[in-house]
N, C-alpha and C. Protein backbone atom coordinates (compact mmCIF):
# COMPACT_ATOMS: atom_id res chain seq x y z
N MET A 1 -10.97 -5.31 11.20
CA MET A 1 -10.26 -4.07 10.65
C MET A 1 -11.31 -4.26 8.92
N GLY A 2 -11.55 -2.79 8.14
CA GLY A 2 -12.05 -3.33 6.74
C GLY A 2 -10.99 -3.43 5.59
N LEU A 3 -11.88 -3.68 4.63
CA LEU A 3 -10.94 -4.12 3.43
C LEU A 3 -9.90 -2.85 3.13
N LEU A 4 -10.68 -1.67 3.12
CA LEU A 4 -9.89 -0.37 2.34
C LEU A 4 -8.77 -0.15 3.58
N SER A 5 -9.06 -0.19 4.88
CA SER A 5 -7.87 0.01 5.82
C SER A 5 -6.72 -1.14 5.95
N PHE A 6 -7.00 -2.31 5.37
CA PHE A 6 -6.28 -3.42 5.25
C PHE A 6 -5.25 -3.00 4.04
N LEU A 7 -5.78 -2.77 3.00
CA LEU A 7 -4.89 -2.34 1.83
C LEU A 7 -3.92 -1.07 1.99
N LEU A 8 -4.49 -0.19 2.72
CA LEU A 8 -3.88 0.82 3.09
C LEU A 8 -2.70 0.49 4.07
N LEU A 9 -3.06 -0.37 5.13
CA LEU A 9 -2.08 -0.91 6.13
C LEU A 9 -0.92 -1.76 5.01
N GLY A 10 -1.17 -2.47 4.25
CA GLY A 10 -0.23 -2.74 3.49
C GLY A 10 0.53 -2.37 2.35
N LEU A 11 -0.31 -1.13 2.02
CA LEU A 11 0.51 -0.53 1.29
C LEU A 11 1.84 0.38 1.95
N VAL A 12 1.52 0.82 3.03
CA VAL A 12 2.30 1.66 3.78
C VAL A 12 3.27 0.63 4.76
N ALA A 13 2.89 -0.61 5.33
CA ALA A 13 3.84 -1.53 5.89
C ALA A 13 4.85 -1.79 4.75
N GLY A 14 4.39 -2.06 3.77
CA GLY A 14 5.38 -2.67 2.85
C GLY A 14 6.14 -1.57 1.99
N ALA A 15 5.66 -0.31 2.10
CA ALA A 15 6.77 0.84 1.73
C ALA A 15 8.07 1.20 2.78
N ILE A 16 7.37 1.00 4.08
CA ILE A 16 8.40 0.87 5.49
C ILE A 16 9.32 -0.09 5.02
N ALA A 17 9.08 -1.49 5.00
CA ALA A 17 9.78 -2.73 4.73
C ALA A 17 10.72 -2.43 3.60
N LYS A 18 10.22 -1.75 2.73
CA LYS A 18 11.04 -1.71 1.37
C LYS A 18 12.19 -0.53 1.89
N ARG A 19 12.01 0.25 2.37
CA ARG A 19 13.04 1.65 2.91
C ARG A 19 14.01 0.76 3.78
N ILE A 20 13.18 0.15 4.91
CA ILE A 20 14.43 -0.91 5.71
C ILE A 20 15.17 -1.60 5.22
N MET A 21 14.63 -2.40 4.27
CA MET A 21 15.53 -3.61 3.72
C MET A 21 16.49 -2.57 2.43
N GLY A 22 16.15 -1.42 2.02
CA GLY A 22 17.12 -0.42 1.33
C GLY A 22 16.69 -1.39 -0.21
N THR A 23 15.72 -1.78 -0.61
CA THR A 23 15.16 -2.24 -1.82
C THR A 23 14.20 -1.57 -2.71
N ASP A 24 14.66 -1.62 -3.92
CA ASP A 24 13.50 -0.60 -4.88
C ASP A 24 12.94 -1.47 -5.75
N ARG A 25 12.54 -2.81 -5.34
CA ARG A 25 11.88 -3.90 -6.07
C ARG A 25 10.68 -3.50 -6.41
N GLY A 26 9.94 -3.60 -7.76
CA GLY A 26 8.64 -3.31 -8.31
C GLY A 26 8.12 -2.13 -7.80
N GLY A 27 6.84 -1.80 -8.44
CA GLY A 27 6.58 -0.53 -7.82
C GLY A 27 5.48 -0.31 -6.87
N CYS A 28 4.34 0.25 -7.09
CA CYS A 28 2.75 0.48 -6.01
C CYS A 28 2.45 -0.77 -5.84
N LEU A 29 1.95 -0.99 -7.01
CA LEU A 29 1.06 -2.62 -6.60
C LEU A 29 1.82 -3.76 -6.25
N VAL A 30 3.17 -3.78 -6.57
CA VAL A 30 4.21 -4.81 -5.88
C VAL A 30 4.30 -4.57 -4.27
N THR A 31 4.55 -3.69 -4.13
CA THR A 31 4.88 -2.76 -2.78
C THR A 31 3.19 -3.32 -2.28
N MET A 32 2.25 -2.80 -2.50
CA MET A 32 1.08 -3.16 -2.16
C MET A 32 1.00 -4.78 -1.47
N LEU A 33 0.95 -5.69 -2.70
CA LEU A 33 0.66 -6.77 -2.37
C LEU A 33 1.78 -7.66 -1.88
N LEU A 34 3.12 -7.32 -1.62
CA LEU A 34 4.11 -7.81 -0.22
C LEU A 34 3.51 -7.32 1.00
N GLY A 35 3.28 -5.93 0.83
CA GLY A 35 2.70 -5.45 2.18
C GLY A 35 1.62 -6.40 2.73
N ILE A 36 0.49 -6.73 2.12
CA ILE A 36 -0.89 -7.37 2.29
C ILE A 36 -0.41 -8.54 2.74
N ALA A 37 0.35 -9.48 2.35
CA ALA A 37 1.08 -10.67 2.43
C ALA A 37 1.66 -10.55 3.62
N GLY A 38 2.49 -9.61 3.87
CA GLY A 38 3.34 -9.42 4.94
C GLY A 38 2.43 -9.14 6.26
N ALA A 39 1.46 -8.45 5.93
CA ALA A 39 0.20 -8.39 6.95
C ALA A 39 -0.19 -9.54 7.76
N MET A 40 -0.67 -10.53 6.79
CA MET A 40 -1.19 -11.65 6.64
C MET A 40 0.10 -12.83 7.65
N VAL A 41 1.00 -12.42 6.82
CA VAL A 41 2.12 -13.32 7.83
C VAL A 41 2.49 -12.93 9.05
N GLY A 42 2.83 -11.33 9.53
CA GLY A 42 2.72 -10.97 10.63
C GLY A 42 1.53 -10.98 11.32
N GLY A 43 0.39 -11.09 10.95
CA GLY A 43 -0.86 -11.79 11.97
C GLY A 43 -0.53 -13.04 12.41
N TRP A 44 -0.26 -14.04 11.59
CA TRP A 44 0.11 -15.32 11.59
C TRP A 44 0.99 -15.31 12.52
N LEU A 45 2.42 -14.85 12.41
CA LEU A 45 3.53 -15.07 13.16
C LEU A 45 3.08 -14.66 14.89
N GLY A 46 2.34 -13.24 14.43
CA GLY A 46 1.81 -12.94 16.25
C GLY A 46 0.94 -13.81 16.73
N ILE A 47 0.18 -14.57 16.32
CA ILE A 47 -0.64 -15.74 16.83
C ILE A 47 0.18 -16.91 17.31
N THR A 48 0.93 -17.29 16.28
CA THR A 48 1.63 -18.46 16.42
C THR A 48 2.60 -18.44 17.45
N LEU A 49 3.57 -16.85 17.32
CA LEU A 49 4.84 -17.00 18.10
C LEU A 49 4.44 -16.31 19.35
N PHE A 50 3.61 -15.05 19.66
CA PHE A 50 3.25 -14.37 20.81
C PHE A 50 2.04 -14.52 21.23
N GLY A 51 1.04 -15.20 20.72
CA GLY A 51 -0.21 -15.29 21.03
C GLY A 51 -1.19 -13.98 20.99
N VAL A 52 -0.69 -12.89 20.11
CA VAL A 52 -1.22 -11.92 20.06
C VAL A 52 -1.53 -11.76 18.60
N PRO A 53 -3.11 -11.34 18.20
CA PRO A 53 -3.14 -11.24 17.16
C PRO A 53 -3.44 -9.58 16.35
N LEU A 54 -3.34 -9.45 15.22
CA LEU A 54 -3.62 -8.02 14.82
C LEU A 54 -4.65 -7.35 15.53
N GLY A 55 -4.43 -6.24 16.02
CA GLY A 55 -5.47 -5.31 16.66
C GLY A 55 -6.46 -4.44 15.53
N SER A 56 -6.32 -3.24 16.03
CA SER A 56 -7.04 -2.35 15.15
C SER A 56 -6.06 -1.71 14.34
N PHE A 57 -6.61 -0.91 13.38
CA PHE A 57 -5.91 -0.02 12.70
C PHE A 57 -4.82 0.84 13.17
N PHE A 58 -5.18 1.48 13.95
CA PHE A 58 -4.39 2.33 14.82
C PHE A 58 -3.31 1.92 16.07
N SER A 59 -3.43 0.69 16.09
CA SER A 59 -3.20 -0.16 17.23
C SER A 59 -1.61 -0.13 16.70
N LEU A 60 -0.14 0.27 17.32
CA LEU A 60 1.07 0.05 17.79
C LEU A 60 1.53 -1.64 17.09
N ARG A 61 0.83 -2.28 17.82
CA ARG A 61 1.02 -4.21 17.43
C ARG A 61 0.62 -4.31 16.28
N THR A 62 -0.31 -3.90 15.59
CA THR A 62 -0.76 -4.16 14.52
C THR A 62 0.17 -3.59 13.35
N TRP A 63 0.87 -2.16 13.47
CA TRP A 63 1.87 -1.89 12.51
C TRP A 63 3.01 -2.60 12.89
N LEU A 64 3.64 -2.96 14.13
CA LEU A 64 4.68 -3.56 14.14
C LEU A 64 4.62 -4.91 13.42
N LEU A 65 3.57 -5.73 13.83
CA LEU A 65 3.51 -7.04 13.09
C LEU A 65 3.08 -7.09 11.59
N SER A 66 2.66 -6.18 11.08
CA SER A 66 2.41 -5.73 9.64
C SER A 66 3.77 -5.73 8.71
N ILE A 67 4.92 -4.96 9.63
CA ILE A 67 5.91 -4.32 9.28
C ILE A 67 7.00 -5.45 9.12
N GLY A 68 6.93 -6.22 10.38
CA GLY A 68 7.76 -7.23 10.48
C GLY A 68 7.50 -8.22 9.85
N GLY A 69 6.27 -8.66 9.23
CA GLY A 69 5.86 -9.41 8.63
C GLY A 69 6.02 -9.28 6.85
N SER A 70 5.96 -7.92 6.93
CA SER A 70 6.67 -7.62 5.37
C SER A 70 8.12 -7.73 4.89
N LEU A 71 8.62 -7.48 6.33
CA LEU A 71 10.30 -7.72 6.20
C LEU A 71 10.76 -8.90 5.57
N VAL A 72 9.76 -10.25 6.22
CA VAL A 72 10.10 -11.59 6.16
C VAL A 72 9.75 -11.80 4.63
N VAL A 73 8.34 -11.39 4.44
CA VAL A 73 8.14 -11.33 3.02
C VAL A 73 8.81 -10.96 1.76
N LEU A 74 9.35 -9.94 1.98
CA LEU A 74 10.34 -8.91 1.00
C LEU A 74 11.72 -9.77 0.99
N PHE A 75 12.34 -10.14 2.34
CA PHE A 75 13.22 -11.00 2.19
C PHE A 75 12.85 -12.17 1.33
N VAL A 76 12.25 -12.85 1.59
CA VAL A 76 11.78 -14.27 0.61
C VAL A 76 11.64 -13.61 -0.68
N TYR A 77 11.09 -12.65 -1.22
CA TYR A 77 10.54 -12.16 -2.60
C TYR A 77 12.05 -11.89 -3.05
N GLY A 78 13.09 -11.27 -2.42
CA GLY A 78 14.37 -11.30 -2.71
C GLY A 78 15.18 -12.57 -3.02
N LEU A 79 14.80 -13.68 -1.87
CA LEU A 79 15.69 -14.83 -2.61
C LEU A 79 14.97 -15.56 -4.02
N ILE A 80 13.53 -15.06 -4.35
CA ILE A 80 13.28 -15.97 -5.11
C ILE A 80 13.45 -15.07 -6.50
N THR A 81 13.22 -13.91 -6.51
CA THR A 81 13.92 -13.27 -7.50
C THR A 81 15.36 -13.00 -7.89
N GLY A 82 16.08 -13.45 -6.93
CA GLY A 82 17.40 -13.03 -7.33
C GLY A 82 18.09 -11.92 -6.82
N GLY A 83 17.43 -10.76 -6.45
CA GLY A 83 17.88 -9.60 -6.10
C GLY A 83 17.51 -8.60 -7.40
N ARG A 84 16.55 -9.24 -8.46
CA ARG A 84 16.62 -8.30 -9.66
C ARG A 84 15.54 -7.04 -9.10
N SER A 85 15.77 -6.04 -9.70
CA SER A 85 14.88 -4.93 -9.46
C SER A 85 13.52 -4.90 -10.49
N GLY A 86 13.80 -5.66 -11.37
CA GLY A 86 12.36 -5.47 -12.36
C GLY A 86 12.33 -4.16 -13.31
N ARG A 87 12.96 -3.57 -13.19
CA ARG A 87 13.25 -1.99 -13.89
C ARG A 87 14.31 -2.39 -14.68
N ARG A 88 14.06 -1.42 -15.95
CA ARG A 88 15.09 -1.73 -17.05
C ARG A 88 15.50 -0.16 -17.49
């Protein structure tokens, strides 16, 4: 998977995870960074727990692992920031 597709995957996975969690923390850049971190965490969890790595961009397994990892990262981010929205 190329860098651009990984960034797109991170942006979309982060946005989906934010919708699932019902949070509105940060903007597009924060969402992308959390999604990219989530994709890495999801890939690591997939290999460690299930023995399956991230696949191609259009693989359902890739998307599910990335969104799951993004949920984990978003949860930890919420714990660290104390649930602050960052917007005023």
